[in-house]
N, C-alpha and C. Protein backbone atom coordinates (compact mmCIF):
# COMPACT_ATOMS: atom_id res chain seq x y z
N MET A 1 5.13 8.34 9.71
CA MET A 1 5.88 7.90 8.61
C MET A 1 6.65 9.22 8.02
N ARG A 2 5.82 10.35 7.65
CA ARG A 2 6.77 10.96 6.89
C ARG A 2 7.67 12.33 7.95
N SER A 3 7.23 11.99 9.16
CA SER A 3 8.38 12.63 10.14
C SER A 3 9.75 11.94 10.30
N ILE A 4 9.32 10.45 9.83
CA ILE A 4 10.95 9.75 10.32
C ILE A 4 11.51 10.08 9.15
N LEU A 5 10.89 10.37 7.60
CA LEU A 5 12.08 10.37 6.65
C LEU A 5 12.41 12.16 6.52
N GLY A 6 11.71 12.62 6.99
CA GLY A 6 11.79 14.05 7.39
C GLY A 6 13.36 13.98 8.08
N ARG A 7 13.55 13.09 9.56
CA ARG A 7 14.53 13.10 10.00
C ARG A 7 15.89 13.00 9.12
N CYS A 8 15.49 11.99 8.96
CA CYS A 8 16.43 10.67 8.30
C CYS A 8 17.38 11.63 7.26
N PHE A 9 16.49 12.49 6.25
CA PHE A 9 16.71 13.58 5.35
C PHE A 9 17.72 14.90 5.57
N ASN A 10 17.36 15.22 7.22
CA ASN A 10 17.63 15.92 7.87
C ASN A 10 18.68 16.03 8.21
N LEU A 11 19.10 14.47 8.44
CA LEU A 11 20.32 13.98 9.28
C LEU A 11 20.92 14.23 8.17
N ILE A 12 20.77 14.23 7.07
CA ILE A 12 22.63 14.07 6.09
C ILE A 12 22.52 15.84 5.46
N ASN A 13 21.50 16.64 5.90
CA ASN A 13 21.74 17.77 5.93
C ASN A 13 22.52 18.22 6.89
N LYS A 14 22.44 18.07 8.12
CA LYS A 14 23.10 18.04 9.11
C LYS A 14 24.75 18.07 9.20
N VAL A 15 24.68 16.64 8.59
CA VAL A 15 25.78 16.00 8.46
C VAL A 15 27.11 17.43 7.17
N ILE A 16 26.20 17.01 6.38
CA ILE A 16 26.69 18.29 5.33
C ILE A 16 27.40 19.50 5.87
N ILE A 17 26.13 19.69 6.55
CA ILE A 17 26.79 21.08 7.04
C ILE A 17 27.71 21.39 8.25
N GLY A 18 27.75 19.95 8.69
CA GLY A 18 29.01 19.63 9.42
C GLY A 18 30.24 19.92 8.91
N ILE A 19 30.57 19.10 7.36
CA ILE A 19 31.34 18.96 7.15
C ILE A 19 31.99 20.20 6.09
N SER A 20 30.48 21.00 6.30
CA SER A 20 31.03 22.65 5.67
C SER A 20 31.88 23.36 6.54
N LYS A 21 31.17 23.66 7.55
CA LYS A 21 31.60 24.41 8.69
C LYS A 21 32.99 23.64 8.82
N ALA A 22 33.37 22.60 8.79
CA ALA A 22 34.64 22.11 9.25
C ALA A 22 35.94 22.81 8.34
N LEU A 23 35.18 22.53 7.17
CA LEU A 23 36.07 22.80 5.85
C LEU A 23 36.37 24.61 5.62
N GLU A 24 35.38 25.07 6.22
CA GLU A 24 35.10 26.61 6.13
C GLU A 24 36.16 27.04 7.15
N TYR A 25 36.00 26.83 8.92
CA TYR A 25 37.04 27.12 9.80
C TYR A 25 38.62 26.38 9.35
N LYS A 26 38.56 25.62 8.33
CA LYS A 26 40.31 25.58 8.19
C LYS A 26 40.69 26.24 7.11
N THR A 27 40.05 26.28 6.30
CA THR A 27 40.48 26.49 5.29
C THR A 27 39.96 27.76 4.29
N ASP A 28 40.54 28.78 3.39
CA ASP A 28 39.89 29.82 2.98
C ASP A 28 39.32 29.62 1.84
N ALA A 29 38.76 28.22 1.82
CA ALA A 29 37.96 28.11 0.37
C ALA A 29 36.54 28.11 0.22
N GLU A 30 36.11 28.34 -0.69
CA GLU A 30 34.79 28.42 -0.71
C GLU A 30 34.40 27.09 -0.06
N VAL A 31 33.02 26.69 -0.05
CA VAL A 31 32.45 25.17 0.04
C VAL A 31 30.89 25.55 -0.16
N TYR A 32 30.96 24.67 -1.44
CA TYR A 32 29.34 24.54 -2.27
C TYR A 32 28.81 23.25 -1.80
N THR A 33 27.62 23.06 -1.66
CA THR A 33 26.69 21.82 -1.08
C THR A 33 25.70 21.42 -2.17
N SER A 34 25.93 22.34 -3.60
CA SER A 34 24.67 22.15 -3.96
C SER A 34 25.60 21.94 -5.71
N LYS A 35 25.24 21.59 -6.73
CA LYS A 35 25.42 21.71 -8.22
C LYS A 35 25.58 23.22 -8.26
N LYS A 36 26.74 23.97 -8.75
CA LYS A 36 26.59 24.87 -9.03
C LYS A 36 27.57 25.17 -10.02
N LYS A 37 27.21 25.32 -11.18
CA LYS A 37 28.57 24.81 -12.55
C LYS A 37 29.05 25.99 -12.85
N GLN A 38 28.41 27.24 -12.87
CA GLN A 38 28.89 28.64 -13.17
C GLN A 38 29.22 29.28 -11.70
N ASN A 39 29.90 30.07 -12.05
CA ASN A 39 30.21 31.45 -11.21
C ASN A 39 31.05 30.79 -9.82
N ILE A 40 31.31 29.94 -10.25
CA ILE A 40 32.81 29.26 -8.80
C ILE A 40 33.74 29.94 -8.71
N HIS A 41 34.03 30.13 -7.52
CA HIS A 41 35.48 30.89 -7.27
C HIS A 41 36.42 30.07 -6.41
N LEU A 42 37.26 30.04 -7.53
CA LEU A 42 38.50 28.76 -7.02
C LEU A 42 39.42 29.50 -6.32
N PRO A 43 39.92 28.32 -4.79
CA PRO A 43 40.02 27.15 -4.91
C PRO A 43 38.62 27.17 -4.26
N CYS A 44 37.83 26.21 -4.27
CA CYS A 44 36.86 25.69 -3.93
C CYS A 44 36.56 23.93 -3.71
N PHE A 45 35.96 23.52 -2.70
CA PHE A 45 35.55 22.61 -2.58
C PHE A 45 33.80 22.35 -2.45
N ARG A 46 33.50 20.70 -3.22
CA ARG A 46 32.14 20.55 -2.97
C ARG A 46 31.68 19.63 -2.57
N VAL A 47 30.69 19.25 -1.77
CA VAL A 47 30.15 18.63 -0.75
C VAL A 47 29.12 17.97 -1.13
N LYS A 48 29.14 16.41 -1.47
CA LYS A 48 27.85 15.67 -1.81
C LYS A 48 27.70 14.47 -0.84
N SER A 49 26.51 14.13 -0.92
CA SER A 49 26.20 12.28 -0.36
C SER A 49 26.51 11.95 -1.32
N ILE A 50 26.80 10.58 -1.16
CA ILE A 50 27.03 9.55 -2.25
C ILE A 50 26.30 8.09 -2.07
N LYS A 51 26.18 7.90 -0.99
CA LYS A 51 25.33 6.74 -0.36
C LYS A 51 25.36 6.63 1.16
N THR A 52 23.63 6.26 1.55
CA THR A 52 23.55 5.93 2.92
C THR A 52 23.16 4.92 3.06
N GLY A 53 23.08 4.36 4.12
CA GLY A 53 22.59 3.05 4.75
C GLY A 53 21.52 3.01 5.77
N HIS A 54 21.02 1.54 6.07
CA HIS A 54 19.92 1.89 7.23
C HIS A 54 20.29 0.54 8.19
N LYS A 55 20.28 0.51 9.38
CA LYS A 55 20.36 -0.74 9.61
C LYS A 55 19.92 -1.00 11.12
N ARG A 56 18.78 -1.64 11.24
CA ARG A 56 18.14 -1.51 12.69
C ARG A 56 19.38 -2.21 13.74
N THR A 57 19.52 -2.06 14.83
CA THR A 57 20.34 -2.43 15.96
C THR A 57 19.74 -2.98 16.80
N LEU A 58 18.81 -2.20 17.59
CA LEU A 58 18.04 -2.64 18.62
C LEU A 58 16.93 -1.93 18.87
N GLY A 59 15.48 -2.44 18.97
CA GLY A 59 14.64 -1.62 19.40
C GLY A 59 14.14 -0.94 18.27
N LYS A 60 13.84 0.87 18.63
CA LYS A 60 13.98 1.24 17.73
C LYS A 60 14.86 2.49 17.16
N ARG A 61 16.12 1.67 17.26
CA ARG A 61 17.07 2.32 17.16
C ARG A 61 18.25 1.54 16.12
N TYR A 62 18.79 2.41 14.92
CA TYR A 62 19.10 2.51 13.87
C TYR A 62 20.18 2.95 13.75
N GLY A 63 21.25 2.29 13.02
CA GLY A 63 22.47 2.56 12.55
C GLY A 63 22.35 3.28 11.28
N LYS A 64 23.03 4.29 10.84
CA LYS A 64 22.68 5.19 9.39
C LYS A 64 24.19 5.55 8.97
N PRO A 65 24.82 4.78 8.33
CA PRO A 65 26.08 4.63 7.70
C PRO A 65 26.26 5.28 6.55
N MET A 66 27.13 6.54 6.56
CA MET A 66 26.65 7.51 5.58
C MET A 66 27.99 7.93 4.70
N SER A 67 28.13 7.67 3.38
CA SER A 67 29.53 8.09 2.98
C SER A 67 29.16 9.48 1.93
N PHE A 68 30.31 10.20 2.14
CA PHE A 68 30.56 11.40 1.43
C PHE A 68 31.34 11.64 0.22
N SER A 69 31.68 12.57 -0.77
CA SER A 69 32.48 12.88 -1.46
C SER A 69 32.48 14.16 -1.42
N ILE A 70 33.95 15.07 -1.11
CA ILE A 70 34.51 15.90 -1.05
C ILE A 70 35.42 16.59 -1.90
N THR A 71 34.93 17.00 -2.90
CA THR A 71 36.00 17.49 -4.16
C THR A 71 36.57 18.88 -3.96
N TYR A 72 38.31 19.31 -4.09
CA TYR A 72 38.53 20.12 -3.99
C TYR A 72 39.28 20.26 -5.42
N LEU A 73 38.79 21.63 -5.87
CA LEU A 73 39.13 22.41 -7.37
C LEU A 73 40.19 23.44 -6.55
N PRO A 74 41.72 23.51 -6.98
CA PRO A 74 42.59 24.60 -6.72
C PRO A 74 42.36 25.51 -7.80
N LYS A 75 43.00 26.52 -7.50
CA LYS A 75 42.95 27.89 -7.85
C LYS A 75 43.59 27.94 -9.62
N THR A 76 44.99 27.34 -9.13
CA THR A 76 45.64 26.76 -10.53
C THR A 76 46.18 25.43 -10.67
N ASP A 77 46.29 24.79 -11.95
CA ASP A 77 47.03 23.44 -11.88
C ASP A 77 48.23 22.89 -11.32
N ASP A 78 48.91 23.83 -9.86
CA ASP A 78 49.74 23.00 -9.19
C ASP A 78 49.29 21.97 -8.64
N GLU A 79 49.87 20.96 -9.02
CA GLU A 79 49.65 19.64 -8.19
C GLU A 79 50.17 19.88 -6.43
N ASP A 80 51.22 20.48 -6.65
CA ASP A 80 51.64 20.55 -5.17
C ASP A 80 50.48 21.34 -3.96
N GLU A 81 49.98 21.81 -4.32
CA GLU A 81 48.93 22.32 -3.51
C GLU A 81 47.63 21.25 -3.47
N LEU A 82 47.51 20.70 -4.51
CA LEU A 82 46.47 19.21 -4.28
C LEU A 82 47.01 18.40 -3.26
N ARG A 83 48.55 18.15 -3.69
CA ARG A 83 48.98 17.02 -1.74
C ARG A 83 49.15 17.36 -1.15
N THR A 84 49.26 19.13 -0.81
CA THR A 84 49.53 19.72 0.48
C THR A 84 47.71 19.34 1.30
N VAL A 85 46.76 20.05 0.36
CA VAL A 85 45.12 19.68 0.56
C VAL A 85 44.93 18.07 0.73
N GLU A 86 45.86 17.52 0.14
CA GLU A 86 45.44 16.09 0.37
C GLU A 86 46.17 15.50 1.62
N SER A 87 47.11 16.02 2.23
CA SER A 87 47.49 15.55 3.36
C SER A 87 46.98 15.73 4.53
N GLU A 88 46.23 17.35 4.63
CA GLU A 88 45.69 17.87 5.59
C GLU A 88 44.20 17.83 5.72
N LEU A 89 43.78 17.22 4.79
CA LEU A 89 41.93 17.02 4.28
C LEU A 89 41.46 16.05 5.65
N PRO A 90 42.26 14.77 5.30
CA PRO A 90 41.81 13.71 6.44
C PRO A 90 41.72 14.44 8.10
N PHE A 91 42.85 14.98 8.26
CA PHE A 91 42.43 15.73 9.55
C PHE A 91 41.22 16.75 10.10
N VAL A 92 41.12 17.21 9.05
CA VAL A 92 40.51 18.32 9.21
C VAL A 92 38.44 17.35 9.04
N LEU A 93 38.63 16.42 8.29
CA LEU A 93 37.30 15.49 8.56
C LEU A 93 36.98 14.34 9.81
N GLU A 94 38.34 14.50 9.97
CA GLU A 94 38.63 13.37 11.22
C GLU A 94 37.05 13.31 12.35
N SER A 95 37.01 14.82 12.76
CA SER A 95 35.58 14.95 13.46
C SER A 95 35.07 16.11 13.35
N ILE A 96 33.61 15.98 13.25
CA ILE A 96 32.88 17.14 12.75
C ILE A 96 31.81 17.16 13.42
N ASN A 97 31.43 18.45 13.73
CA ASN A 97 30.64 19.04 14.75
C ASN A 97 29.00 18.80 13.78
N VAL A 98 27.73 17.83 14.59
CA VAL A 98 26.81 17.91 14.17
C VAL A 98 25.99 17.84 14.88
N ASP A 99 25.08 18.97 14.87
CA ASP A 99 24.01 19.36 16.19
C ASP A 99 24.70 19.04 17.37
N GLY A 100 26.17 19.71 17.47
CA GLY A 100 26.24 19.91 19.02
C GLY A 100 26.59 18.67 19.48
N ASN A 101 26.78 17.60 18.62
CA ASN A 101 27.79 16.33 19.15
C ASN A 101 28.81 16.16 17.89
N LEU A 102 29.96 15.77 18.47
CA LEU A 102 31.07 15.15 17.62
C LEU A 102 31.18 13.91 16.97
N VAL A 103 31.09 13.99 15.70
CA VAL A 103 31.02 12.51 15.06
C VAL A 103 32.57 12.32 14.59
N ARG A 104 32.86 11.18 14.34
CA ARG A 104 34.28 10.58 13.89
C ARG A 104 34.10 10.22 12.75
N GLY A 105 35.20 10.56 11.27
CA GLY A 105 34.62 9.82 10.33
C GLY A 105 35.77 9.01 9.83
N THR A 106 35.50 8.00 9.21
CA THR A 106 36.42 6.60 9.18
C THR A 106 36.44 6.47 7.54
N ASP A 107 37.71 5.28 7.16
CA ASP A 107 37.55 5.21 6.16
C ASP A 107 37.82 6.30 4.90
N ILE A 108 38.57 7.31 5.39
CA ILE A 108 38.87 8.62 4.68
C ILE A 108 40.11 8.05 3.58
N SER A 109 39.63 8.55 2.20
CA SER A 109 40.69 8.17 0.89
C SER A 109 40.19 9.46 0.27
N CYS A 110 41.65 9.11 -0.66
CA CYS A 110 41.61 10.48 -1.69
C CYS A 110 42.55 10.26 -2.77
N VAL A 111 41.98 10.99 -3.77
CA VAL A 111 42.47 10.70 -5.12
C VAL A 111 42.46 11.70 -5.78
N ILE A 112 44.00 11.83 -6.65
CA ILE A 112 43.87 12.80 -7.35
C ILE A 112 43.58 12.91 -8.87
N SER A 113 42.75 13.45 -9.51
CA SER A 113 42.36 13.00 -10.59
C SER A 113 42.12 13.91 -11.42
N ASP A 114 42.37 14.57 -12.89
CA ASP A 114 41.67 15.54 -13.98
C ASP A 114 42.22 16.75 -13.18
N GLY A 115 43.08 16.89 -12.19
CA GLY A 115 43.29 18.37 -11.73
C GLY A 115 42.77 19.00 -10.32
N ALA A 116 42.12 17.71 -10.27
CA ALA A 116 40.99 17.95 -8.78
C ALA A 116 41.52 17.07 -7.71
N LEU A 117 41.01 17.21 -6.35
CA LEU A 117 41.14 15.56 -4.90
C LEU A 117 40.02 15.89 -5.11
N VAL A 118 39.77 14.22 -5.36
CA VAL A 118 38.25 13.68 -4.70
C VAL A 118 38.63 13.20 -3.17
N CYS A 119 38.05 13.02 -2.37
CA CYS A 119 38.08 12.31 -0.96
C CYS A 119 36.57 12.19 -0.45
N THR A 120 36.96 10.35 -0.01
CA THR A 120 35.36 10.30 0.39
C THR A 120 35.62 9.45 2.15
N ILE A 121 34.87 10.20 2.51
CA ILE A 121 34.31 9.74 4.07
C ILE A 121 33.08 9.12 4.58
N ASP A 122 33.36 8.37 4.95
CA ASP A 122 32.17 7.51 6.29
C ASP A 122 32.19 8.18 7.90
N TYR A 123 30.21 8.46 7.83
CA TYR A 123 30.10 8.74 9.17
C TYR A 123 28.76 7.63 9.32
N ASN A 124 29.22 7.18 10.46
CA ASN A 124 28.40 6.08 11.29
C ASN A 124 27.60 6.99 11.80
N MET A 125 26.42 7.25 12.16
CA MET A 125 25.23 7.97 13.02
C MET A 125 24.42 7.35 13.39
N ARG A 126 23.85 7.15 14.69
CA ARG A 126 23.21 6.51 15.19
C ARG A 126 21.55 7.39 15.27
N LEU A 127 20.54 6.80 15.16
CA LEU A 127 19.39 6.88 15.44
C LEU A 127 18.21 6.89 16.08
N ALA A 128 17.61 7.11 16.34
CA ALA A 128 16.55 6.87 17.68
C ALA A 128 15.15 7.06 17.65
N ILE A 129 14.43 6.26 17.06
CA ILE A 129 12.74 6.46 16.94
C ILE A 129 12.03 6.80 17.74
N GLN A 130 11.53 8.15 18.42
CA GLN A 130 10.42 7.59 19.58
C GLN A 130 9.27 8.09 18.65
N GLU A 131 8.68 6.87 18.88
CA GLU A 131 6.90 6.96 18.58
C GLU A 131 6.11 7.88 19.81
N GLU A 132 5.07 9.06 19.20
CA GLU A 132 4.54 9.32 19.85
C GLU A 132 3.17 8.41 20.36
N LYS A 133 3.13 8.46 21.76
CA LYS A 133 2.16 7.71 22.35
C LYS A 133 0.89 8.35 22.66
N GLU A 134 -0.54 7.78 22.18
CA GLU A 134 -1.60 8.48 22.06
C GLU A 134 -1.84 8.74 23.65
N LYS A 135 -2.29 9.95 24.06
CA LYS A 135 -2.21 10.36 25.21
C LYS A 135 -3.94 9.71 25.76
N MET A 136 -4.38 9.39 26.96
CA MET A 136 -5.70 9.25 27.04
C MET A 136 -6.58 10.06 27.30
N ASN A 137 -7.88 9.99 27.05
CA ASN A 137 -8.81 11.08 27.07
C ASN A 137 -9.56 11.59 28.47
N ASP A 138 -10.46 12.26 28.63
CA ASP A 138 -10.76 12.56 29.84
C ASP A 138 -11.56 11.48 30.27
N LEU A 139 -11.34 11.69 31.68
CA LEU A 139 -12.01 10.34 32.22
C LEU A 139 -13.30 11.02 33.35
N TYR A 140 -14.39 10.57 33.21
CA TYR A 140 -15.19 11.00 33.82
C TYR A 140 -15.59 9.88 34.81
N VAL A 141 -16.23 10.14 35.95
CA VAL A 141 -16.22 9.16 37.23
C VAL A 141 -17.34 9.99 37.97
N LYS A 142 -18.45 9.04 38.19
CA LYS A 142 -19.75 9.47 38.62
C LYS A 142 -20.13 8.49 39.65
N GLY A 143 -20.34 8.92 41.00
CA GLY A 143 -20.20 7.46 41.84
C GLY A 143 -20.73 8.32 42.74
N LYS A 144 -21.84 7.51 44.08
CA LYS A 144 -22.50 8.00 45.19
C LYS A 144 -21.82 7.42 45.99
N VAL A 145 -21.76 7.86 47.77
CA VAL A 145 -21.76 7.32 48.47
C VAL A 145 -22.97 6.55 49.23
N LYS A 146 -22.91 5.33 50.09
CA LYS A 146 -23.72 5.03 50.63
C LYS A 146 -23.79 5.37 52.10
């Protein structure tokens, strides 16, 4: 059970890494994935998981819908910069690389509030659980020929 939970948690981290790499590749802003309130360098992005789901589809296969919040903090209070980032960000986050696989984002929405841009995006991941089967122990055969 512990390895299954570890894989699901690890999947969330892998998606966050994929989002962070996409942002770093397309922008010059710093990307933070943990709560850091002091010594941040503006402009920057903050990526966090806000909601995950779990849906059994077939056998040991599961759907894992995940929602993420990406907050952009500009260097100045210029709303033109926020609108520019707002128009470009959906294209940056539309497809990300997660563990060598291309994953498409859906339901991208952005809102400008209190001098920051907050975007939410959903990624629908697939997970297949493979249980380790117990291997047969050694078998000794003792026989005679008549």
